[in-house]
Protein backbone atom coordinates (compact mmCIF):
# COMPACT_ATOMS: atom_id res chain seq x y z
CA MET A 1 93.84 -66.19 -10.30
CA LEU A 2 94.59 -69.11 -12.67
CA SER A 3 96.60 -72.09 -11.49
CA SER A 4 99.65 -72.97 -13.59
CA LEU A 5 100.14 -76.29 -15.32
CA PRO A 6 103.65 -76.70 -16.72
CA PHE A 7 103.94 -78.55 -20.07
CA ASP A 8 106.85 -80.71 -18.98
CA ASP A 9 107.60 -84.43 -18.66
CA ARG A 10 105.32 -84.73 -15.66
CA PHE A 11 102.32 -83.63 -17.69
CA PHE A 12 103.09 -85.72 -20.75
CA ARG A 13 103.97 -88.86 -18.82
CA ALA A 14 101.17 -88.54 -16.22
CA PRO A 15 98.55 -86.12 -17.60
CA HIS A 16 95.66 -87.44 -15.49
CA ALA A 17 97.51 -87.30 -12.16
CA THR A 18 98.92 -83.85 -13.01
CA VAL A 19 95.58 -82.32 -13.80
CA ALA A 20 93.48 -84.15 -11.18
CA PRO A 21 94.26 -81.76 -8.27
CA LEU A 22 93.15 -78.77 -10.35
CA VAL A 23 89.89 -80.49 -11.35
CA GLU A 24 89.21 -81.61 -7.81
CA ALA A 25 89.66 -78.01 -6.70
CA GLY A 26 86.96 -76.96 -9.18
CA ALA A 27 89.24 -75.42 -11.83
CA ARG A 28 87.88 -75.21 -15.40
CA LEU A 29 91.14 -74.08 -16.97
CA ALA A 30 94.82 -73.60 -16.17
CA LEU A 31 97.63 -71.35 -17.39
CA VAL A 32 100.38 -72.98 -19.46
CA PRO A 33 103.37 -70.63 -18.76
CA GLU A 34 105.66 -72.11 -21.44
CA LEU A 35 103.14 -71.36 -24.17
CA GLY A 36 101.51 -68.27 -22.77
CA THR A 37 98.13 -69.89 -23.31
CA VAL A 38 95.41 -71.55 -21.26
CA LEU A 39 94.34 -75.20 -21.16
CA PHE A 40 90.63 -75.92 -20.72
CA LEU A 41 89.98 -78.98 -18.56
CA ARG A 42 86.25 -79.68 -18.27
CA GLN A 43 84.15 -81.54 -20.82
CA HIS A 44 81.44 -78.86 -21.23
CA ASP A 45 83.97 -76.16 -21.97
CA VAL A 46 86.08 -78.36 -24.26
CA ALA A 47 83.04 -79.33 -26.31
CA GLU A 48 81.86 -75.72 -26.45
CA ILE A 49 85.20 -74.57 -27.91
CA LEU A 50 85.41 -77.43 -30.44
CA GLN A 51 81.95 -76.76 -31.81
CA ASP A 52 82.11 -72.95 -31.72
CA ARG A 53 82.98 -71.60 -35.18
CA ARG A 54 84.44 -68.49 -33.55
CA PHE A 55 87.41 -70.71 -32.87
CA GLY A 56 89.52 -71.76 -35.88
CA ALA A 57 92.07 -74.45 -36.56
CA MET A 58 95.71 -73.86 -35.66
CA ASN A 59 96.83 -73.09 -39.19
CA ALA A 60 100.15 -72.69 -40.95
CA HIS A 61 100.49 -69.09 -39.75
CA TYR A 62 101.10 -70.51 -36.26
CA TYR A 63 103.94 -72.62 -37.59
CA ALA A 64 105.45 -69.51 -39.23
CA GLN A 65 105.38 -67.79 -35.86
CA GLN A 66 107.32 -70.73 -34.36
CA GLY A 67 110.10 -70.34 -36.88
CA TRP A 68 108.95 -72.80 -39.52
CA TYR A 69 110.00 -71.96 -43.04
CA ASP A 70 108.19 -72.36 -46.33
CA GLY A 71 108.66 -75.68 -48.02
CA PRO A 72 106.92 -78.91 -49.13
CA TYR A 73 105.93 -79.84 -45.54
CA ILE A 74 104.34 -76.49 -44.71
CA ASP A 75 102.68 -76.35 -48.12
CA TRP A 76 101.02 -79.63 -47.26
CA VAL A 77 99.96 -78.37 -43.81
CA ARG A 78 98.28 -75.34 -45.49
CA ARG A 79 96.12 -77.70 -47.56
CA THR A 80 95.31 -80.21 -44.82
CA LEU A 81 91.67 -80.45 -43.80
CA VAL A 82 92.37 -80.27 -40.05
CA PHE A 83 94.20 -76.96 -40.46
CA LEU A 84 91.58 -75.28 -42.60
CA ASP A 85 88.63 -73.08 -41.59
CA PRO A 86 85.41 -72.31 -43.51
CA PRO A 87 84.70 -71.92 -46.32
CA ASP A 88 87.66 -73.97 -47.56
CA HIS A 89 87.17 -76.54 -44.79
CA ASP A 90 83.45 -77.04 -45.54
CA ARG A 91 84.07 -77.36 -49.26
CA LEU A 92 86.74 -80.03 -48.94
CA ARG A 93 84.95 -81.93 -46.17
CA GLY A 94 81.79 -82.00 -48.25
CA LEU A 95 83.69 -83.49 -51.20
CA LEU A 96 85.47 -86.01 -48.98
CA SER A 97 82.21 -87.10 -47.33
CA ARG A 98 80.81 -88.04 -50.76
CA ALA A 99 83.71 -90.44 -51.26
CA PHE A 100 84.41 -91.59 -47.68
CA THR A 101 81.19 -93.61 -47.31
CA PRO A 102 80.03 -96.56 -45.06
CA ARG A 103 80.47 -98.71 -48.16
CA GLN A 104 84.22 -98.03 -48.05
CA VAL A 105 84.33 -99.17 -44.40
CA ALA A 106 82.32 -102.30 -45.23
CA ARG A 107 84.67 -103.07 -48.12
CA ILE A 108 87.78 -102.76 -46.02
CA THR A 109 86.56 -104.69 -42.93
CA PRO A 110 87.28 -108.25 -44.20
CA ILE A 111 90.69 -107.03 -45.50
CA THR A 112 91.39 -105.64 -42.00
CA GLU A 113 90.59 -109.04 -40.52
CA GLN A 114 92.95 -110.74 -42.96
CA ILE A 115 95.78 -108.31 -42.19
CA ALA A 116 95.24 -108.75 -38.46
CA GLU A 117 95.34 -112.55 -38.78
CA THR A 118 98.57 -112.43 -40.78
CA LEU A 119 100.29 -110.05 -38.33
CA ALA A 120 99.12 -112.13 -35.33
CA GLY A 121 100.47 -115.24 -36.99
CA GLU A 122 103.89 -113.63 -37.48
CA ALA A 123 103.88 -112.44 -33.85
CA ALA A 124 102.94 -115.95 -32.65
CA GLU A 125 106.06 -117.34 -34.35
CA ALA A 126 108.30 -114.72 -32.73
CA ARG A 127 106.73 -115.06 -29.27
CA GLU A 128 108.68 -112.00 -28.02
CA VAL A 129 107.76 -108.83 -29.92
CA ASP A 130 107.27 -105.08 -29.66
CA LEU A 131 103.54 -104.47 -30.10
CA TYR A 132 104.11 -101.31 -32.13
CA ASP A 133 106.65 -102.76 -34.55
CA SER A 134 104.90 -106.11 -35.03
CA PHE A 135 101.19 -105.21 -34.99
CA ALA A 136 99.86 -101.81 -33.85
CA GLN A 137 101.88 -99.81 -36.43
CA LYS A 138 101.54 -102.21 -39.33
CA LEU A 139 97.79 -102.93 -39.09
CA PRO A 140 96.41 -99.37 -39.56
CA LEU A 141 99.05 -98.48 -42.14
CA GLN A 142 98.29 -101.50 -44.24
CA VAL A 143 94.56 -100.96 -43.85
CA ILE A 144 94.65 -97.33 -45.03
CA CYS A 145 96.98 -98.27 -47.86
CA SER A 146 94.55 -101.02 -48.87
CA LEU A 147 91.66 -98.55 -48.66
CA LEU A 148 93.51 -96.38 -51.20
CA ALA A 149 94.61 -99.39 -53.27
CA ILE A 150 98.32 -98.67 -52.73
CA PRO A 151 100.34 -101.74 -53.79
CA SER A 152 101.75 -103.76 -50.91
CA ILE A 153 105.25 -103.43 -52.36
CA ASP A 154 105.04 -99.72 -51.45
CA PHE A 155 103.90 -100.09 -47.86
CA GLU A 156 107.41 -99.79 -46.42
CA ALA A 157 108.20 -96.58 -48.29
CA VAL A 158 104.90 -95.02 -47.33
CA GLY A 159 105.55 -95.94 -43.72
CA GLU A 160 108.97 -94.27 -43.84
CA TRP A 161 107.49 -91.07 -45.34
CA THR A 162 104.73 -90.85 -42.74
CA ALA A 163 107.28 -91.49 -39.96
CA ALA A 164 109.29 -88.48 -41.22
CA LEU A 165 106.18 -86.31 -41.04
CA SER A 166 105.46 -87.61 -37.54
CA LEU A 167 108.94 -86.81 -36.32
CA ALA A 168 108.82 -83.28 -37.63
CA THR A 169 105.45 -82.71 -36.05
CA ALA A 170 106.50 -84.06 -32.64
CA THR A 171 110.05 -82.74 -32.49
CA PRO A 172 110.56 -80.03 -35.12
CA THR A 173 114.36 -79.92 -35.14
CA PRO A 174 116.11 -78.61 -38.29
CA GLU A 175 117.04 -82.14 -39.24
CA ALA A 176 113.44 -83.35 -38.82
CA ARG A 177 112.15 -80.52 -40.91
CA VAL A 178 114.52 -81.39 -43.74
CA GLY A 179 113.37 -84.98 -43.48
CA ALA A 180 109.73 -83.93 -43.63
CA ASP A 181 110.33 -81.82 -46.71
CA ARG A 182 112.02 -84.70 -48.46
CA ALA A 183 109.20 -87.06 -47.44
CA MET A 184 106.59 -84.62 -48.82
CA GLU A 185 108.49 -84.37 -52.11
CA SER A 186 108.45 -88.18 -52.33
CA PHE A 187 104.79 -88.29 -51.37
CA ASP A 188 103.88 -85.68 -53.99
CA ASP A 189 105.63 -87.59 -56.78
CA TYR A 190 104.21 -90.96 -55.64
CA VAL A 191 100.58 -89.87 -55.11
CA THR A 192 100.58 -87.95 -58.39
CA ARG A 193 101.56 -91.18 -60.17
CA GLN A 194 98.83 -93.04 -58.35
CA ILE A 195 96.32 -90.38 -59.37
CA ARG A 196 97.41 -90.66 -63.00
CA GLU A 197 97.08 -94.40 -62.98
CA ARG A 198 93.69 -94.39 -61.25
CA ARG A 199 92.28 -91.84 -63.70
CA ALA A 200 93.26 -94.22 -66.50
CA ARG A 201 91.97 -97.33 -64.70
CA PRO A 202 89.54 -96.43 -61.88
CA GLY A 203 88.65 -99.03 -59.28
CA ASP A 204 86.37 -99.29 -56.25
CA ASP A 205 88.99 -97.84 -53.84
CA LEU A 206 88.88 -94.56 -51.99
CA LEU A 207 91.40 -92.79 -54.18
CA SER A 208 89.34 -93.52 -57.27
CA ALA A 209 86.29 -92.24 -55.47
CA LEU A 210 88.07 -89.04 -54.46
CA ILE A 211 89.13 -88.45 -58.06
CA ALA A 212 85.57 -89.01 -59.32
CA VAL A 213 83.66 -87.08 -56.63
CA GLU A 214 81.90 -83.97 -57.79
CA ALA A 215 79.51 -81.44 -56.21
CA ASP A 216 77.92 -78.69 -58.27
CA GLY A 217 80.67 -78.99 -60.87
CA ASP A 218 83.42 -78.76 -58.21
CA ARG A 219 86.17 -81.34 -58.07
CA LEU A 220 89.37 -81.80 -56.10
CA SER A 221 92.52 -80.43 -57.70
CA ARG A 222 95.70 -82.53 -57.97
CA GLU A 223 97.23 -80.57 -55.06
CA GLU A 224 94.12 -81.10 -52.93
CA LEU A 225 94.07 -84.79 -53.78
CA VAL A 226 97.71 -85.21 -52.76
CA ALA A 227 97.18 -83.26 -49.50
CA MET A 228 94.10 -85.35 -48.66
CA VAL A 229 95.77 -88.70 -49.43
CA VAL A 230 98.84 -87.87 -47.33
CA GLN A 231 96.58 -86.72 -44.48
CA LEU A 232 94.73 -89.99 -44.64
CA LEU A 233 97.95 -91.98 -44.60
CA TYR A 234 99.49 -89.89 -41.80
CA ALA A 235 96.56 -89.44 -39.49
CA GLY A 236 94.84 -92.69 -40.48
CA HIS A 237 97.53 -94.93 -39.00
CA GLU A 238 99.36 -93.04 -36.18
CA THR A 239 96.35 -92.35 -33.97
CA THR A 240 95.00 -95.86 -34.49
CA ARG A 241 98.43 -97.23 -33.57
CA ASN A 242 98.11 -95.29 -30.28
CA LEU A 243 94.52 -96.49 -29.77
CA ILE A 244 95.59 -100.12 -30.00
CA GLY A 245 98.65 -99.55 -27.76
CA ASN A 246 96.74 -97.55 -25.17
CA GLY A 247 94.03 -100.15 -25.10
CA LEU A 248 96.33 -103.09 -24.54
CA ILE A 249 98.38 -101.33 -21.78
CA SER A 250 95.03 -100.46 -20.05
CA LEU A 251 93.97 -104.07 -20.24
CA LEU A 252 97.27 -105.25 -18.82
CA ASP A 253 97.12 -102.59 -16.07
CA TYR A 254 93.61 -103.88 -15.17
CA PRO A 255 93.85 -107.68 -15.44
CA ALA A 256 90.28 -108.17 -14.13
CA GLU A 257 88.98 -106.18 -17.14
CA LEU A 258 91.17 -108.22 -19.50
CA ALA A 259 89.80 -111.43 -18.00
CA ARG A 260 86.24 -110.09 -18.34
CA LEU A 261 86.81 -109.24 -22.00
CA ARG A 262 88.11 -112.73 -22.66
CA ARG A 263 85.00 -114.20 -21.05
CA GLU A 264 82.66 -111.75 -22.77
CA PRO A 265 84.11 -110.94 -26.27
CA GLU A 266 80.81 -109.33 -27.21
CA LEU A 267 81.99 -106.39 -25.05
CA VAL A 268 84.88 -105.53 -27.42
CA PRO A 269 83.00 -102.67 -29.17
CA ASN A 270 82.10 -101.12 -25.81
CA ALA A 271 85.67 -101.71 -24.59
CA VAL A 272 87.02 -99.78 -27.56
CA GLU A 273 84.92 -96.74 -26.60
CA GLU A 274 86.04 -97.07 -22.97
CA ILE A 275 89.68 -97.16 -24.15
CA LEU A 276 89.11 -94.06 -26.22
CA ARG A 277 87.65 -92.35 -23.12
CA PHE A 278 90.21 -93.62 -20.64
CA GLU A 279 93.44 -93.16 -22.65
CA PRO A 280 92.76 -91.11 -25.78
CA PRO A 281 95.30 -91.28 -28.63
CA ILE A 282 95.61 -87.49 -28.55
CA LEU A 283 96.01 -85.57 -25.24
CA PHE A 284 94.96 -82.10 -26.34
CA LEU A 285 94.03 -79.96 -29.35
CA THR A 286 94.80 -76.33 -30.20
CA ARG A 287 92.39 -73.67 -31.48
CA VAL A 288 92.79 -69.97 -32.35
CA ALA A 289 90.14 -67.36 -31.51
CA LEU A 290 88.69 -65.68 -34.55
CA ALA A 291 86.94 -63.01 -32.42
CA ASP A 292 86.99 -61.63 -28.92
CA LEU A 293 84.94 -63.99 -26.75
CA GLU A 294 84.62 -65.56 -23.32
CA VAL A 295 84.72 -69.23 -22.21
CA ALA A 296 84.35 -70.40 -18.59
CA ALA A 297 84.23 -66.73 -17.52
CA HIS A 298 87.71 -66.34 -19.07
CA PRO A 299 88.24 -63.67 -21.75
CA VAL A 300 89.90 -64.86 -24.98
CA ARG A 301 91.11 -62.24 -27.44
CA LYS A 302 91.03 -62.53 -31.21
CA GLY A 303 94.19 -64.27 -32.44
CA GLU A 304 94.98 -65.95 -29.12
CA LEU A 305 95.63 -69.68 -29.00
CA VAL A 306 93.81 -71.94 -26.55
CA HIS A 307 94.32 -75.64 -25.77
CA VAL A 308 91.59 -78.10 -24.93
CA ASN A 309 92.49 -81.12 -22.81
CA LEU A 310 90.76 -84.21 -24.26
CA ALA A 311 92.23 -86.47 -21.58
CA SER A 312 90.76 -84.49 -18.68
CA ALA A 313 87.48 -83.85 -20.47
CA ASN A 314 87.05 -87.60 -20.87
CA ARG A 315 87.53 -88.12 -17.16
CA ASP A 316 85.45 -85.21 -15.93
CA PRO A 317 84.03 -86.30 -12.56
CA ALA A 318 80.98 -84.11 -13.20
CA VAL A 319 80.17 -86.30 -16.18
CA TYR A 320 81.34 -89.84 -15.37
CA PRO A 321 80.80 -91.89 -12.18
CA GLU A 322 84.19 -93.21 -11.02
CA ALA A 323 85.81 -91.42 -13.95
CA ASP A 324 89.27 -92.76 -13.18
CA ARG A 325 88.15 -96.39 -13.23
CA PHE A 326 88.71 -98.46 -16.40
CA ASP A 327 85.53 -100.46 -17.04
CA VAL A 328 85.05 -102.35 -20.31
CA GLY A 329 81.33 -102.66 -19.51
CA ARG A 330 80.78 -98.99 -18.66
CA ALA A 331 77.28 -97.88 -19.61
CA ASP A 332 78.18 -94.36 -20.65
CA THR A 333 81.34 -94.31 -22.71
CA HIS A 334 80.82 -91.14 -24.78
CA HIS A 335 84.00 -89.13 -25.25
CA LEU A 336 85.72 -86.36 -27.18
CA SER A 337 88.66 -88.36 -28.42
CA PHE A 338 87.64 -87.94 -32.07
CA GLY A 339 87.09 -84.22 -31.52
CA TRP A 340 83.75 -82.49 -31.79
CA GLY A 341 82.02 -80.06 -34.15
CA MET A 342 83.14 -79.40 -37.74
CA HIS A 343 86.57 -81.01 -37.23
CA PHE A 344 85.19 -84.34 -35.91
CA CYS A 345 87.42 -87.07 -37.24
CA MET A 346 86.05 -88.36 -40.56
CA GLY A 347 87.99 -91.60 -40.08
CA ALA A 348 86.39 -92.44 -36.73
CA SER A 349 84.37 -95.30 -38.13
CA ILE A 350 87.46 -96.92 -39.64
CA ALA A 351 89.52 -96.43 -36.47
CA ARG A 352 86.80 -98.06 -34.42
CA MET A 353 86.54 -100.95 -36.77
CA GLU A 354 90.32 -101.44 -36.81
CA ALA A 355 90.46 -101.41 -32.99
CA ARG A 356 87.63 -103.89 -32.68
CA VAL A 357 89.36 -106.25 -35.12
CA ALA A 358 92.72 -105.77 -33.39
CA PHE A 359 91.53 -106.64 -29.90
CA SER A 360 89.28 -109.46 -31.02
CA THR A 361 92.18 -111.01 -32.92
CA LEU A 362 94.78 -110.56 -30.20
CA LEU A 363 92.57 -112.04 -27.46
CA ARG A 364 91.52 -114.95 -29.65
CA ARG A 365 95.04 -115.84 -30.93
CA PHE A 366 96.92 -115.43 -27.65
CA ALA A 367 96.12 -117.14 -24.35
CA GLY A 368 98.82 -115.13 -22.65
CA ILE A 369 99.86 -111.51 -23.28
CA GLU A 370 102.37 -110.14 -20.75
CA LEU A 371 104.89 -107.34 -20.61
CA LEU A 372 108.49 -108.25 -21.24
CA GLY A 373 110.45 -106.46 -18.53
CA GLU A 374 109.27 -103.42 -16.62
CA ARG A 375 106.22 -101.42 -17.64
CA PRO A 376 107.08 -99.07 -20.53
CA LYS A 377 106.97 -95.34 -19.96
CA TRP A 378 104.65 -92.94 -21.74
CA ALA A 379 106.41 -90.75 -24.33
CA ALA A 380 107.11 -87.18 -23.28
CA ALA A 381 106.78 -83.80 -25.00
CA THR A 382 104.14 -84.76 -27.54
CA ALA A 383 100.37 -84.23 -27.85
CA LEU A 384 100.13 -87.87 -28.93
CA ARG A 385 99.41 -90.31 -26.07
CA THR A 386 101.77 -93.21 -26.80
CA LEU A 387 104.30 -95.42 -25.07
CA GLU A 388 108.01 -95.21 -25.82
CA ARG A 389 108.02 -98.93 -26.62
CA PHE A 390 105.86 -101.97 -25.94
CA PRO A 391 107.80 -105.25 -25.54
CA LEU A 392 105.58 -108.27 -25.04
CA ARG A 393 105.79 -112.04 -24.47
CA LEU A 394 102.97 -113.84 -26.22
CA THR A 395 101.59 -117.31 -25.60
CA PRO A 396 99.59 -118.64 -28.58
CA ALA A 397 96.18 -120.09 -27.81
């Protein structure tokens, strides 16, 4: 008989402590009564599901079942790469991979360093800041906008539109859905203008590359370009924001590791991987069975949804020695935080680069980084692993 794991504030605020007793008892999955689905807990099973093409993405049909209506937001979801299955997924990913090259990452790295320096300088003047508002939110948003050559004058509007999409995804109230539809209408108009301008005057940016990319005579349509650009802007900054925030709170929770990273800054790349393992930006993913099958001796019927717990997979005691210990020098930091299989995050290399730049800059620019007031709480009722707020007192070096 399966143990139950309620999806309530206890799980979202303390997912590791909530799941740990089940894992210690040898459980490989748990029943989620509120959703009528199961949550797979162990790394082997999670990886198996993510790479098994008999499981598909949670697509727009799921949203329709939850009472979502047709509109600009759902139209975008239907075209988004992470919600597509083969053959549409493979076609779009193949075209994107031709444009989203290591050269683009190399081009944006010095720009990322400049942005981080500017934001750190502004934070140093303020001394008391919220990490999200002053740094962790702005850095990835400005980086992905720069990657697409979006003018800086438009950064604020783009940030507002992506925030509206995030709100509707996390808390789909009627008001949030209306806001998401309006945001998508604005996005569609804006990105279409950018496409028109880039076709007339192409550059070395990612949007120009996406417009120009071709495979066997196939190109991206205007609708596909808009959907892909919005996905890059939405997913390309929110999860990295969480990565930076989760990393800094982990370092503050474990001051010995923070001190070690200051002494050994060459460990920053390894520390980023440990942060991704220890506190992933996304707690769990959802898949739908495309056939009758079995995982962990549990039958899954065609059409059923399943959830895979990235957080518990990354702390599987069968895989990691002292899995619940945060160690910036850990030898084996492999993880599933960017997914696995055909939906592995295409922006992983940029997210890693941004995080390395962020932590290197913060540790170099500030001799003191401390929480302002009590420790902030983790946000509840969302698959995203993020804090409600992150007030800090900074002491410049």
